[in-house]
Amino acid sequence: MTTTLTVLGASVECHSIGRLTSAEPGRLRVTDRTDPAKPGSPGMCTGTSAALTFTLEPDGTLAYRSDEAAAGRPHGTLRKSG
């Protein structure tokens, strides 16, 4: 997986490898770790593994949650566009 963030013309890119750890109706759990073959932006990507949870909500959105403390335990809601 590649994550790219661009703000005011500056870009940060981080690469990771995910492994599906569990799946049940409406929920996926993935263990994510840095891809050693693709170093990201120096000093901008965490180097730890994290548990990610993707949950399909009743309204059709996808909730995302990461337990990665070094990244601030990001979470959010993903919606389709277009």
C-alpha atoms as a PDB file:
ATOM      1  CA  MET A   1       0.000   0.000   0.000  1.00  0.00           C
ATOM      2  CA  THR A   2       1.274   3.476  -0.783  1.00  0.00           C
ATOM      3  CA  THR A   3       0.120   6.542   1.114  1.00  0.00           C
ATOM      4  CA  THR A   4       0.840   9.953  -0.387  1.00  0.00           C
ATOM      5  CA  LEU A   5       0.119  13.315   1.243  1.00  0.00           C
ATOM      6  CA  THR A   6       0.674  16.574  -0.627  1.00  0.00           C
ATOM      7  CA  VAL A   7       0.321  19.927   1.127  1.00  0.00           C
ATOM      8  CA  LEU A   8       1.405  23.277  -0.318  1.00  0.00           C
ATOM      9  CA  GLY A   9       3.427  21.541  -3.025  1.00  0.00           C
ATOM     10  CA  ALA A  10       5.376  19.289  -0.641  1.00  0.00           C
ATOM     11  CA  SER A  11       4.747  15.544  -0.875  1.00  0.00           C
ATOM     12  CA  VAL A  12       5.343  12.726   1.591  1.00  0.00           C
ATOM     13  CA  GLU A  13       5.104   9.113   0.461  1.00  0.00           C
ATOM     14  CA  CYS A  14       5.109   6.019   2.697  1.00  0.00           C
ATOM     15  CA  HIS A  15       4.954   2.369   1.567  1.00  0.00           C
ATOM     16  CA  SER A  16       3.678  -0.602   3.527  1.00  0.00           C
ATOM     17  CA  ILE A  17       2.761  -4.269   3.280  1.00  0.00           C
ATOM     18  CA  GLY A  18      -0.509  -5.492   4.752  1.00  0.00           C
ATOM     19  CA  ARG A  19      -1.494  -8.985   5.866  1.00  0.00           C
ATOM     20  CA  LEU A  20      -5.142  -9.908   6.383  1.00  0.00           C
ATOM     21  CA  THR A  21      -5.411 -11.176   9.960  1.00  0.00           C
ATOM     22  CA  SER A  22      -9.173 -11.661  10.226  1.00  0.00           C
ATOM     23  CA  ALA A  23     -12.352 -11.208   8.242  1.00  0.00           C
ATOM     24  CA  GLU A  24     -15.960 -11.334   9.299  1.00  0.00           C
ATOM     25  CA  PRO A  25     -19.117  -9.882   7.773  1.00  0.00           C
ATOM     26  CA  GLY A  26     -18.630  -6.117   7.627  1.00  0.00           C
ATOM     27  CA  ARG A  27     -15.160  -6.042   9.211  1.00  0.00           C
ATOM     28  CA  LEU A  28     -11.581  -6.665   8.077  1.00  0.00           C
ATOM     29  CA  ARG A  29      -8.477  -6.588  10.242  1.00  0.00           C
ATOM     30  CA  VAL A  30      -5.053  -6.112   8.659  1.00  0.00           C
ATOM     31  CA  THR A  31      -1.564  -6.043  10.159  1.00  0.00           C
ATOM     32  CA  ASP A  32       0.423  -3.366   8.356  1.00  0.00           C
ATOM     33  CA  ARG A  33       4.219  -2.913   8.356  1.00  0.00           C
ATOM     34  CA  THR A  34       6.762  -0.807   6.520  1.00  0.00           C
ATOM     35  CA  ASP A  35       7.838  -2.194   3.132  1.00  0.00           C
ATOM     36  CA  PRO A  36      11.615  -2.738   3.447  1.00  0.00           C
ATOM     37  CA  ALA A  37      11.992  -2.754  -0.368  1.00  0.00           C
ATOM     38  CA  LYS A  38      10.490   0.743  -0.755  1.00  0.00           C
ATOM     39  CA  PRO A  39      11.790   3.298   1.718  1.00  0.00           C
ATOM     40  CA  GLY A  40       9.444   6.230   2.102  1.00  0.00           C
ATOM     41  CA  SER A  41      10.132   9.917   2.686  1.00  0.00           C
ATOM     42  CA  PRO A  42      13.044  10.047   5.186  1.00  0.00           C
ATOM     43  CA  GLY A  43      11.928  10.953   8.710  1.00  0.00           C
ATOM     44  CA  MET A  44       8.261  11.177   7.718  1.00  0.00           C
ATOM     45  CA  CYS A  45       7.069   7.537   7.859  1.00  0.00           C
ATOM     46  CA  THR A  46       6.761   5.393  10.958  1.00  0.00           C
ATOM     47  CA  GLY A  47       8.735   2.168  11.005  1.00  0.00           C
ATOM     48  CA  THR A  48       6.478   0.076  13.216  1.00  0.00           C
ATOM     49  CA  SER A  49       3.712  -2.397  12.489  1.00  0.00           C
ATOM     50  CA  ALA A  50       0.099  -1.573  13.235  1.00  0.00           C
ATOM     51  CA  ALA A  51      -3.279  -3.249  13.449  1.00  0.00           C
ATOM     52  CA  LEU A  52      -5.776  -1.672  11.040  1.00  0.00           C
ATOM     53  CA  THR A  53      -9.534  -2.208  11.222  1.00  0.00           C
ATOM     54  CA  PHE A  54     -11.940  -1.478   8.364  1.00  0.00           C
ATOM     55  CA  THR A  55     -15.646  -1.600   9.280  1.00  0.00           C
ATOM     56  CA  LEU A  56     -18.563  -1.262   6.866  1.00  0.00           C
ATOM     57  CA  GLU A  57     -21.078   1.063   8.506  1.00  0.00           C
ATOM     58  CA  PRO A  58     -24.883   0.820   8.011  1.00  0.00           C
ATOM     59  CA  ASP A  59     -24.861   3.993   5.849  1.00  0.00           C
ATOM     60  CA  GLY A  60     -22.368   2.418   3.405  1.00  0.00           C
ATOM     61  CA  THR A  61     -19.313   4.333   4.626  1.00  0.00           C
ATOM     62  CA  LEU A  62     -16.138   2.564   5.663  1.00  0.00           C
ATOM     63  CA  ALA A  63     -14.687   3.317   9.095  1.00  0.00           C
ATOM     64  CA  TYR A  64     -10.882   3.128   9.335  1.00  0.00           C
ATOM     65  CA  ARG A  65      -8.921   2.823  12.579  1.00  0.00           C
ATOM     66  CA  SER A  66      -5.224   2.238  13.233  1.00  0.00           C
ATOM     67  CA  ASP A  67      -3.660   1.396  16.588  1.00  0.00           C
ATOM     68  CA  GLU A  68      -0.286   2.844  15.528  1.00  0.00           C
ATOM     69  CA  ALA A  69       0.726   5.152  18.371  1.00  0.00           C
ATOM     70  CA  ALA A  70       3.676   6.638  16.417  1.00  0.00           C
ATOM     71  CA  ALA A  71       1.193   7.898  13.802  1.00  0.00           C
ATOM     72  CA  GLY A  72      -1.224   9.275  16.407  1.00  0.00           C
ATOM     73  CA  ARG A  73      -3.708   6.360  16.163  1.00  0.00           C
ATOM     74  CA  PRO A  74      -5.371   7.724  13.011  1.00  0.00           C
ATOM     75  CA  HIS A  75      -8.994   7.022  12.277  1.00  0.00           C
ATOM     76  CA  GLY A  76     -11.624   8.311   9.912  1.00  0.00           C
ATOM     77  CA  THR A  77     -14.565   7.616   7.658  1.00  0.00           C
ATOM     78  CA  LEU A  78     -14.122   6.807   3.970  1.00  0.00           C
ATOM     79  CA  ARG A  79     -16.885   7.684   1.504  1.00  0.00           C
ATOM     80  CA  LYS A  80     -17.331   6.949  -2.175  1.00  0.00           C
ATOM     81  CA  SER A  81     -17.048   9.865  -4.541  1.00  0.00           C
ATOM     82  CA  GLY A  82     -18.067  10.043  -8.141  1.00  0.00           C
END
